[in-house]
Amino acid sequence: HDGVLDRGEQSRMAAVLADNGFGEMQEHIEALREIDANSDGEISRDEFVDWWTAKELDRKTKDLLTAVKAVYSHPGDGRSDDRMD
């Protein structure tokens, strides 16, 4: 656990969200690129928090966060240390 989402992790997350009925993969990839403020290919916790707090959140975005939380807190996924609380 290094505290960032690299491009591979971002792609896997976008695919999991899309595969589970949470929008289209391309939508998620575009949103993740927006969150990566310094365009280094990694999303840090600070970048995520800055993105989250800087914009007015619509319902779709709130649904995306709910989906991401569900993916990271899924029991038995071996990633409980990555939960976003």
PDB file of N, CA and C in Angstrom:
ATOM      1  N   HIS A   1       0.855  -1.173   0.000  1.00  0.00           N
ATOM      2  CA  HIS A   1       0.000   0.000   0.000  1.00  0.00           C
ATOM      3  C   HIS A   1       0.896   1.229   0.000  1.00  0.00           C
ATOM      4  N   ASP A   2       0.895   1.970  -1.113  1.00  0.00           N
ATOM      5  CA  ASP A   2       1.778   3.119  -1.228  1.00  0.00           C
ATOM      6  C   ASP A   2       1.048   4.457  -1.172  1.00  0.00           C
ATOM      7  N   GLY A   3      -0.269   4.441  -0.958  1.00  0.00           N
ATOM      8  CA  GLY A   3      -1.011   5.689  -0.794  1.00  0.00           C
ATOM      9  C   GLY A   3      -1.405   6.380  -2.084  1.00  0.00           C
ATOM     10  N   VAL A   4      -1.146   5.754  -3.215  1.00  0.00           N
ATOM     11  CA  VAL A   4      -1.543   6.335  -4.505  1.00  0.00           C
ATOM     12  C   VAL A   4      -2.202   5.262  -5.367  1.00  0.00           C
ATOM     13  N   LEU A   5      -2.987   5.722  -6.345  1.00  0.00           N
ATOM     14  CA  LEU A   5      -3.527   4.833  -7.368  1.00  0.00           C
ATOM     15  C   LEU A   5      -2.719   5.065  -8.631  1.00  0.00           C
ATOM     16  N   ASP A   6      -1.958   4.063  -9.049  1.00  0.00           N
ATOM     17  CA  ASP A   6      -1.195   4.221 -10.291  1.00  0.00           C
ATOM     18  C   ASP A   6      -2.105   3.939 -11.481  1.00  0.00           C
ATOM     19  N   ARG A   7      -1.595   4.099 -12.692  1.00  0.00           N
ATOM     20  CA  ARG A   7      -2.430   3.929 -13.888  1.00  0.00           C
ATOM     21  C   ARG A   7      -3.042   2.534 -13.978  1.00  0.00           C
ATOM     22  N   GLY A   8      -2.293   1.518 -13.619  1.00  0.00           N
ATOM     23  CA  GLY A   8      -2.821   0.155 -13.649  1.00  0.00           C
ATOM     24  C   GLY A   8      -3.974  -0.017 -12.675  1.00  0.00           C
ATOM     25  N   GLU A   9      -3.807   0.504 -11.475  1.00  0.00           N
ATOM     26  CA  GLU A   9      -4.875   0.425 -10.472  1.00  0.00           C
ATOM     27  C   GLU A   9      -6.096   1.237 -10.915  1.00  0.00           C
ATOM     28  N   GLN A  10      -5.843   2.378 -11.539  1.00  0.00           N
ATOM     29  CA  GLN A  10      -6.949   3.203 -12.032  1.00  0.00           C
ATOM     30  C   GLN A  10      -7.736   2.448 -13.113  1.00  0.00           C
ATOM     31  N   SER A  11      -7.026   1.808 -14.015  1.00  0.00           N
ATOM     32  CA  SER A  11      -7.693   1.042 -15.082  1.00  0.00           C
ATOM     33  C   SER A  11      -8.501  -0.108 -14.506  1.00  0.00           C
ATOM     34  N   ARG A  12      -7.928  -0.809 -13.538  1.00  0.00           N
ATOM     35  CA  ARG A  12      -8.657  -1.924 -12.913  1.00  0.00           C
ATOM     36  C   ARG A  12      -9.897  -1.421 -12.183  1.00  0.00           C
ATOM     37  N   MET A  13      -9.768  -0.290 -11.493  1.00  0.00           N
ATOM     38  CA  MET A  13     -10.902   0.263 -10.784  1.00  0.00           C
ATOM     39  C   MET A  13     -11.992   0.688 -11.770  1.00  0.00           C
ATOM     40  N   ALA A  14     -11.620   1.343 -12.868  1.00  0.00           N
ATOM     41  CA  ALA A  14     -12.592   1.765 -13.876  1.00  0.00           C
ATOM     42  C   ALA A  14     -13.313   0.553 -14.455  1.00  0.00           C
ATOM     43  N   ALA A  15     -12.578  -0.523 -14.703  1.00  0.00           N
ATOM     44  CA  ALA A  15     -13.181  -1.742 -15.254  1.00  0.00           C
ATOM     45  C   ALA A  15     -14.141  -2.385 -14.262  1.00  0.00           C
ATOM     46  N   VAL A  16     -13.743  -2.470 -12.999  1.00  0.00           N
ATOM     47  CA  VAL A  16     -14.603  -3.066 -11.981  1.00  0.00           C
ATOM     48  C   VAL A  16     -15.889  -2.258 -11.838  1.00  0.00           C
ATOM     49  N   LEU A  17     -15.775  -0.940 -11.810  1.00  0.00           N
ATOM     50  CA  LEU A  17     -16.963  -0.102 -11.693  1.00  0.00           C
ATOM     51  C   LEU A  17     -17.889  -0.312 -12.883  1.00  0.00           C
ATOM     52  N   ALA A  18     -17.334  -0.290 -14.082  1.00  0.00           N
ATOM     53  CA  ALA A  18     -18.142  -0.481 -15.291  1.00  0.00           C
ATOM     54  C   ALA A  18     -18.764  -1.875 -15.316  1.00  0.00           C
ATOM     55  N   ASP A  19     -17.993  -2.884 -14.968  1.00  0.00           N
ATOM     56  CA  ASP A  19     -18.488  -4.267 -14.971  1.00  0.00           C
ATOM     57  C   ASP A  19     -19.618  -4.485 -13.961  1.00  0.00           C
ATOM     58  N   ASN A  20     -19.653  -3.635 -12.947  1.00  0.00           N
ATOM     59  CA  ASN A  20     -20.684  -3.764 -11.913  1.00  0.00           C
ATOM     60  C   ASN A  20     -21.823  -2.768 -12.093  1.00  0.00           C
ATOM     61  N   GLY A  21     -21.934  -2.217 -13.300  1.00  0.00           N
ATOM     62  CA  GLY A  21     -23.079  -1.376 -13.616  1.00  0.00           C
ATOM     63  C   GLY A  21     -22.977   0.075 -13.227  1.00  0.00           C
ATOM     64  N   PHE A  22     -21.780   0.529 -12.860  1.00  0.00           N
ATOM     65  CA  PHE A  22     -21.586   1.920 -12.475  1.00  0.00           C
ATOM     66  C   PHE A  22     -20.999   2.711 -13.646  1.00  0.00           C
ATOM     67  N   GLY A  23     -21.808   2.966 -14.665  1.00  0.00           N
ATOM     68  CA  GLY A  23     -21.380   3.784 -15.793  1.00  0.00           C
ATOM     69  C   GLY A  23     -20.475   3.048 -16.756  1.00  0.00           C
ATOM     70  N   GLU A  24     -19.856   3.837 -17.637  1.00  0.00           N
ATOM     71  CA  GLU A  24     -18.974   3.304 -18.668  1.00  0.00           C
ATOM     72  C   GLU A  24     -17.509   3.468 -18.255  1.00  0.00           C
ATOM     73  N   MET A  25     -16.676   2.543 -18.674  1.00  0.00           N
ATOM     74  CA  MET A  25     -15.259   2.575 -18.314  1.00  0.00           C
ATOM     75  C   MET A  25     -14.605   3.892 -18.749  1.00  0.00           C
ATOM     76  N   GLN A  26     -14.904   4.358 -19.966  1.00  0.00           N
ATOM     77  CA  GLN A  26     -14.287   5.594 -20.467  1.00  0.00           C
ATOM     78  C   GLN A  26     -14.635   6.793 -19.592  1.00  0.00           C
ATOM     79  N   GLU A  27     -15.856   6.831 -19.066  1.00  0.00           N
ATOM     80  CA  GLU A  27     -16.252   7.911 -18.149  1.00  0.00           C
ATOM     81  C   GLU A  27     -15.348   7.924 -16.922  1.00  0.00           C
ATOM     82  N   HIS A  28     -15.097   6.741 -16.388  1.00  0.00           N
ATOM     83  CA  HIS A  28     -14.281   6.637 -15.180  1.00  0.00           C
ATOM     84  C   HIS A  28     -12.833   7.026 -15.466  1.00  0.00           C
ATOM     85  N   ILE A  29     -12.318   6.600 -16.607  1.00  0.00           N
ATOM     86  CA  ILE A  29     -10.942   6.951 -16.973  1.00  0.00           C
ATOM     87  C   ILE A  29     -10.798   8.464 -17.096  1.00  0.00           C
ATOM     88  N   GLU A  30     -11.766   9.101 -17.727  1.00  0.00           N
ATOM     89  CA  GLU A  30     -11.723  10.563 -17.867  1.00  0.00           C
ATOM     90  C   GLU A  30     -11.797  11.254 -16.504  1.00  0.00           C
ATOM     91  N   ALA A  31     -12.661  10.755 -15.620  1.00  0.00           N
ATOM     92  CA  ALA A  31     -12.763  11.334 -14.281  1.00  0.00           C
ATOM     93  C   ALA A  31     -11.458  11.163 -13.514  1.00  0.00           C
ATOM     94  N   LEU A  32     -10.835  10.005 -13.635  1.00  0.00           N
ATOM     95  CA  LEU A  32      -9.574   9.758 -12.944  1.00  0.00           C
ATOM     96  C   LEU A  32      -8.465  10.659 -13.477  1.00  0.00           C
ATOM     97  N   ARG A  33      -8.463  10.922 -14.770  1.00  0.00           N
ATOM     98  CA  ARG A  33      -7.471  11.852 -15.335  1.00  0.00           C
ATOM     99  C   ARG A  33      -7.662  13.257 -14.770  1.00  0.00           C
ATOM    100  N   GLU A  34      -8.918  13.643 -14.580  1.00  0.00           N
ATOM    101  CA  GLU A  34      -9.207  14.955 -13.994  1.00  0.00           C
ATOM    102  C   GLU A  34      -8.686  15.038 -12.562  1.00  0.00           C
ATOM    103  N   ILE A  35      -8.815  13.958 -11.822  1.00  0.00           N
ATOM    104  CA  ILE A  35      -8.372  13.936 -10.431  1.00  0.00           C
ATOM    105  C   ILE A  35      -6.849  14.025 -10.336  1.00  0.00           C
ATOM    106  N   ASP A  36      -6.142  13.460 -11.304  1.00  0.00           N
ATOM    107  CA  ASP A  36      -4.671  13.464 -11.327  1.00  0.00           C
ATOM    108  C   ASP A  36      -4.180  14.866 -11.725  1.00  0.00           C
ATOM    109  N   ALA A  37      -4.227  15.772 -10.772  1.00  0.00           N
ATOM    110  CA  ALA A  37      -3.974  17.197 -11.023  1.00  0.00           C
ATOM    111  C   ALA A  37      -2.600  17.488 -11.631  1.00  0.00           C
ATOM    112  N   ASN A  38      -1.580  16.749 -11.236  1.00  0.00           N
ATOM    113  CA  ASN A  38      -0.236  17.027 -11.760  1.00  0.00           C
ATOM    114  C   ASN A  38       0.125  16.138 -12.947  1.00  0.00           C
ATOM    115  N   SER A  39      -0.826  15.338 -13.410  1.00  0.00           N
ATOM    116  CA  SER A  39      -0.670  14.482 -14.603  1.00  0.00           C
ATOM    117  C   SER A  39       0.542  13.563 -14.546  1.00  0.00           C
ATOM    118  N   ASP A  40       0.856  13.058 -13.349  1.00  0.00           N
ATOM    119  CA  ASP A  40       1.993  12.150 -13.237  1.00  0.00           C
ATOM    120  C   ASP A  40       1.589  10.680 -13.359  1.00  0.00           C
ATOM    121  N   GLY A  41       0.291  10.440 -13.603  1.00  0.00           N
ATOM    122  CA  GLY A  41      -0.186   9.071 -13.752  1.00  0.00           C
ATOM    123  C   GLY A  41      -0.574   8.408 -12.454  1.00  0.00           C
ATOM    124  N   GLU A  42      -0.460   9.117 -11.345  1.00  0.00           N
ATOM    125  CA  GLU A  42      -0.829   8.589 -10.038  1.00  0.00           C
ATOM    126  C   GLU A  42      -1.794   9.556  -9.364  1.00  0.00           C
ATOM    127  N   ILE A  43      -2.746   8.994  -8.647  1.00  0.00           N
ATOM    128  CA  ILE A  43      -3.672   9.817  -7.871  1.00  0.00           C
ATOM    129  C   ILE A  43      -3.339   9.633  -6.403  1.00  0.00           C
ATOM    130  N   SER A  44      -2.888  10.715  -5.791  1.00  0.00           N
ATOM    131  CA  SER A  44      -2.585  10.676  -4.362  1.00  0.00           C
ATOM    132  C   SER A  44      -3.849  10.990  -3.571  1.00  0.00           C
ATOM    133  N   ARG A  45      -3.802  10.681  -2.311  1.00  0.00           N
ATOM    134  CA  ARG A  45      -4.928  11.009  -1.432  1.00  0.00           C
ATOM    135  C   ARG A  45      -5.186  12.511  -1.467  1.00  0.00           C
ATOM    136  N   ASP A  46      -4.118  13.316  -1.451  1.00  0.00           N
ATOM    137  CA  ASP A  46      -4.276  14.769  -1.480  1.00  0.00           C
ATOM    138  C   ASP A  46      -4.954  15.232  -2.772  1.00  0.00           C
ATOM    139  N   GLU A  47      -4.561  14.649  -3.908  1.00  0.00           N
ATOM    140  CA  GLU A  47      -5.209  15.015  -5.172  1.00  0.00           C
ATOM    141  C   GLU A  47      -6.693  14.663  -5.136  1.00  0.00           C
ATOM    142  N   PHE A  48      -7.002  13.493  -4.595  1.00  0.00           N
ATOM    143  CA  PHE A  48      -8.399  13.089  -4.518  1.00  0.00           C
ATOM    144  C   PHE A  48      -9.188  14.040  -3.630  1.00  0.00           C
ATOM    145  N   VAL A  49      -8.666  14.344  -2.456  1.00  0.00           N
ATOM    146  CA  VAL A  49      -9.369  15.237  -1.525  1.00  0.00           C
ATOM    147  C   VAL A  49      -9.525  16.622  -2.136  1.00  0.00           C
ATOM    148  N   ASP A  50      -8.478  17.129  -2.773  1.00  0.00           N
ATOM    149  CA  ASP A  50      -8.561  18.443  -3.423  1.00  0.00           C
ATOM    150  C   ASP A  50      -9.641  18.456  -4.494  1.00  0.00           C
ATOM    151  N   TRP A  51      -9.673  17.407  -5.328  1.00  0.00           N
ATOM    152  CA  TRP A  51     -10.682  17.314  -6.382  1.00  0.00           C
ATOM    153  C   TRP A  51     -12.078  17.233  -5.782  1.00  0.00           C
ATOM    154  N   TRP A  52     -12.218  16.395  -4.772  1.00  0.00           N
ATOM    155  CA  TRP A  52     -13.525  16.159  -4.170  1.00  0.00           C
ATOM    156  C   TRP A  52     -14.084  17.431  -3.541  1.00  0.00           C
ATOM    157  N   THR A  53     -13.245  18.186  -2.851  1.00  0.00           N
ATOM    158  CA  THR A  53     -13.725  19.364  -2.125  1.00  0.00           C
ATOM    159  C   THR A  53     -13.801  20.610  -3.005  1.00  0.00           C
ATOM    160  N   ALA A  54     -13.150  20.612  -4.159  1.00  0.00           N
ATOM    161  CA  ALA A  54     -13.091  21.808  -5.005  1.00  0.00           C
ATOM    162  C   ALA A  54     -14.300  21.990  -5.902  1.00  0.00           C
ATOM    163  N   LYS A  55     -15.076  20.974  -6.101  1.00  0.00           N
ATOM    164  CA  LYS A  55     -16.174  21.096  -7.050  1.00  0.00           C
ATOM    165  C   LYS A  55     -17.514  20.805  -6.406  1.00  0.00           C
ATOM    166  N   GLU A  56     -18.535  21.367  -7.006  1.00  0.00           N
ATOM    167  CA  GLU A  56     -19.897  21.075  -6.588  1.00  0.00           C
ATOM    168  C   GLU A  56     -20.208  19.668  -7.057  1.00  0.00           C
ATOM    169  N   LEU A  57     -20.617  18.803  -6.167  1.00  0.00           N
ATOM    170  CA  LEU A  57     -20.803  17.401  -6.514  1.00  0.00           C
ATOM    171  C   LEU A  57     -22.238  17.134  -6.945  1.00  0.00           C
ATOM    172  N   ASP A  58     -22.381  16.588  -8.122  1.00  0.00           N
ATOM    173  CA  ASP A  58     -23.705  16.200  -8.581  1.00  0.00           C
ATOM    174  C   ASP A  58     -24.000  14.767  -8.136  1.00  0.00           C
ATOM    175  N   ARG A  59     -25.192  14.309  -8.355  1.00  0.00           N
ATOM    176  CA  ARG A  59     -25.615  12.988  -7.910  1.00  0.00           C
ATOM    177  C   ARG A  59     -24.766  11.876  -8.514  1.00  0.00           C
ATOM    178  N   LYS A  60     -24.424  12.003  -9.795  1.00  0.00           N
ATOM    179  CA  LYS A  60     -23.640  10.974 -10.478  1.00  0.00           C
ATOM    180  C   LYS A  60     -22.269  10.809  -9.813  1.00  0.00           C
ATOM    181  N   THR A  61     -21.654  11.918  -9.457  1.00  0.00           N
ATOM    182  CA  THR A  61     -20.344  11.872  -8.817  1.00  0.00           C
ATOM    183  C   THR A  61     -20.452  11.239  -7.436  1.00  0.00           C
ATOM    184  N   LYS A  62     -21.495  11.579  -6.705  1.00  0.00           N
ATOM    185  CA  LYS A  62     -21.687  10.969  -5.389  1.00  0.00           C
ATOM    186  C   LYS A  62     -21.894   9.467  -5.524  1.00  0.00           C
ATOM    187  N   ASP A  63     -22.627   9.052  -6.554  1.00  0.00           N
ATOM    188  CA  ASP A  63     -22.826   7.627  -6.797  1.00  0.00           C
ATOM    189  C   ASP A  63     -21.501   6.936  -7.102  1.00  0.00           C
ATOM    190  N   LEU A  64     -20.624   7.623  -7.859  1.00  0.00           N
ATOM    191  CA  LEU A  64     -19.314   7.062  -8.176  1.00  0.00           C
ATOM    192  C   LEU A  64     -18.511   6.842  -6.901  1.00  0.00           C
ATOM    193  N   LEU A  65     -18.508   7.809  -5.997  1.00  0.00           N
ATOM    194  CA  LEU A  65     -17.776   7.642  -4.738  1.00  0.00           C
ATOM    195  C   LEU A  65     -18.335   6.467  -3.944  1.00  0.00           C
ATOM    196  N   THR A  66     -19.648   6.346  -3.900  1.00  0.00           N
ATOM    197  CA  THR A  66     -20.266   5.230  -3.194  1.00  0.00           C
ATOM    198  C   THR A  66     -19.793   3.904  -3.787  1.00  0.00           C
ATOM    199  N   ALA A  67     -19.740   3.847  -5.119  1.00  0.00           N
ATOM    200  CA  ALA A  67     -19.291   2.625  -5.794  1.00  0.00           C
ATOM    201  C   ALA A  67     -17.824   2.334  -5.476  1.00  0.00           C
ATOM    202  N   VAL A  68     -16.986   3.360  -5.508  1.00  0.00           N
ATOM    203  CA  VAL A  68     -15.560   3.181  -5.206  1.00  0.00           C
ATOM    204  C   VAL A  68     -15.389   2.681  -3.777  1.00  0.00           C
ATOM    205  N   LYS A  69     -16.120   3.277  -2.849  1.00  0.00           N
ATOM    206  CA  LYS A  69     -16.035   2.822  -1.460  1.00  0.00           C
ATOM    207  C   LYS A  69     -16.442   1.357  -1.350  1.00  0.00           C
ATOM    208  N   ALA A  70     -17.493   0.984  -2.067  1.00  0.00           N
ATOM    209  CA  ALA A  70     -17.958  -0.402  -2.028  1.00  0.00           C
ATOM    210  C   ALA A  70     -16.894  -1.349  -2.551  1.00  0.00           C
ATOM    211  N   VAL A  71     -16.226  -0.967  -3.637  1.00  0.00           N
ATOM    212  CA  VAL A  71     -15.175  -1.813  -4.213  1.00  0.00           C
ATOM    213  C   VAL A  71     -14.022  -1.976  -3.225  1.00  0.00           C
ATOM    214  N   TYR A  72     -13.608  -0.889  -2.581  1.00  0.00           N
ATOM    215  CA  TYR A  72     -12.459  -0.960  -1.688  1.00  0.00           C
ATOM    216  C   TYR A  72     -12.777  -1.563  -0.328  1.00  0.00           C
ATOM    217  N   SER A  73     -14.042  -1.619   0.051  1.00  0.00           N
ATOM    218  CA  SER A  73     -14.364  -2.174   1.361  1.00  0.00           C
ATOM    219  C   SER A  73     -15.001  -3.553   1.258  1.00  0.00           C
ATOM    220  N   HIS A  74     -14.999  -4.140   0.079  1.00  0.00           N
ATOM    221  CA  HIS A  74     -15.599  -5.456  -0.129  1.00  0.00           C
ATOM    222  C   HIS A  74     -14.874  -6.485   0.727  1.00  0.00           C
ATOM    223  N   PRO A  75     -15.617  -7.200   1.571  1.00  0.00           N
ATOM    224  CA  PRO A  75     -14.971  -8.189   2.442  1.00  0.00           C
ATOM    225  C   PRO A  75     -14.249  -9.269   1.644  1.00  0.00           C
ATOM    226  N   GLY A  76     -13.075  -9.600   2.110  1.00  0.00           N
ATOM    227  CA  GLY A  76     -12.337 -10.698   1.505  1.00  0.00           C
ATOM    228  C   GLY A  76     -11.545 -10.331   0.274  1.00  0.00           C
ATOM    229  N   ASP A  77     -11.460  -9.026  -0.037  1.00  0.00           N
ATOM    230  CA  ASP A  77     -10.719  -8.666  -1.242  1.00  0.00           C
ATOM    231  C   ASP A  77      -9.230  -8.488  -0.966  1.00  0.00           C
ATOM    232  N   GLY A  78      -8.841  -8.601   0.284  1.00  0.00           N
ATOM    233  CA  GLY A  78      -7.423  -8.487   0.622  1.00  0.00           C
ATOM    234  C   GLY A  78      -6.916  -7.066   0.588  1.00  0.00           C
ATOM    235  N   ARG A  79      -7.798  -6.108   0.447  1.00  0.00           N
ATOM    236  CA  ARG A  79      -7.381  -4.719   0.336  1.00  0.00           C
ATOM    237  C   ARG A  79      -8.024  -3.858   1.416  1.00  0.00           C
ATOM    238  N   SER A  80      -8.354  -4.430   2.551  1.00  0.00           N
ATOM    239  CA  SER A  80      -9.052  -3.680   3.586  1.00  0.00           C
ATOM    240  C   SER A  80      -8.247  -2.462   4.061  1.00  0.00           C
ATOM    241  N   ASP A  81      -6.943  -2.489   3.877  1.00  0.00           N
ATOM    242  CA  ASP A  81      -6.119  -1.338   4.277  1.00  0.00           C
ATOM    243  C   ASP A  81      -6.303  -0.167   3.328  1.00  0.00           C
ATOM    244  N   ASP A  82      -6.946  -0.389   2.183  1.00  0.00           N
ATOM    245  CA  ASP A  82      -7.153   0.682   1.207  1.00  0.00           C
ATOM    246  C   ASP A  82      -8.549   1.281   1.284  1.00  0.00           C
ATOM    247  N   ARG A  83      -9.320   0.888   2.264  1.00  0.00           N
ATOM    248  CA  ARG A  83     -10.680   1.415   2.344  1.00  0.00           C
ATOM    249  C   ARG A  83     -10.651   2.925   2.440  1.00  0.00           C
ATOM    250  N   MET A  84     -11.617   3.568   1.818  1.00  0.00           N
ATOM    251  CA  MET A  84     -11.740   5.031   1.846  1.00  0.00           C
ATOM    252  C   MET A  84     -12.859   5.382   2.815  1.00  0.00           C
ATOM    253  N   ASP A  85     -12.511   5.767   4.040  1.00  0.00           N
ATOM    254  CA  ASP A  85     -13.530   6.086   5.055  1.00  0.00           C
ATOM    255  C   ASP A  85     -13.688   7.571   5.196  1.00  0.00           C
TER     256      ASP A  85
END
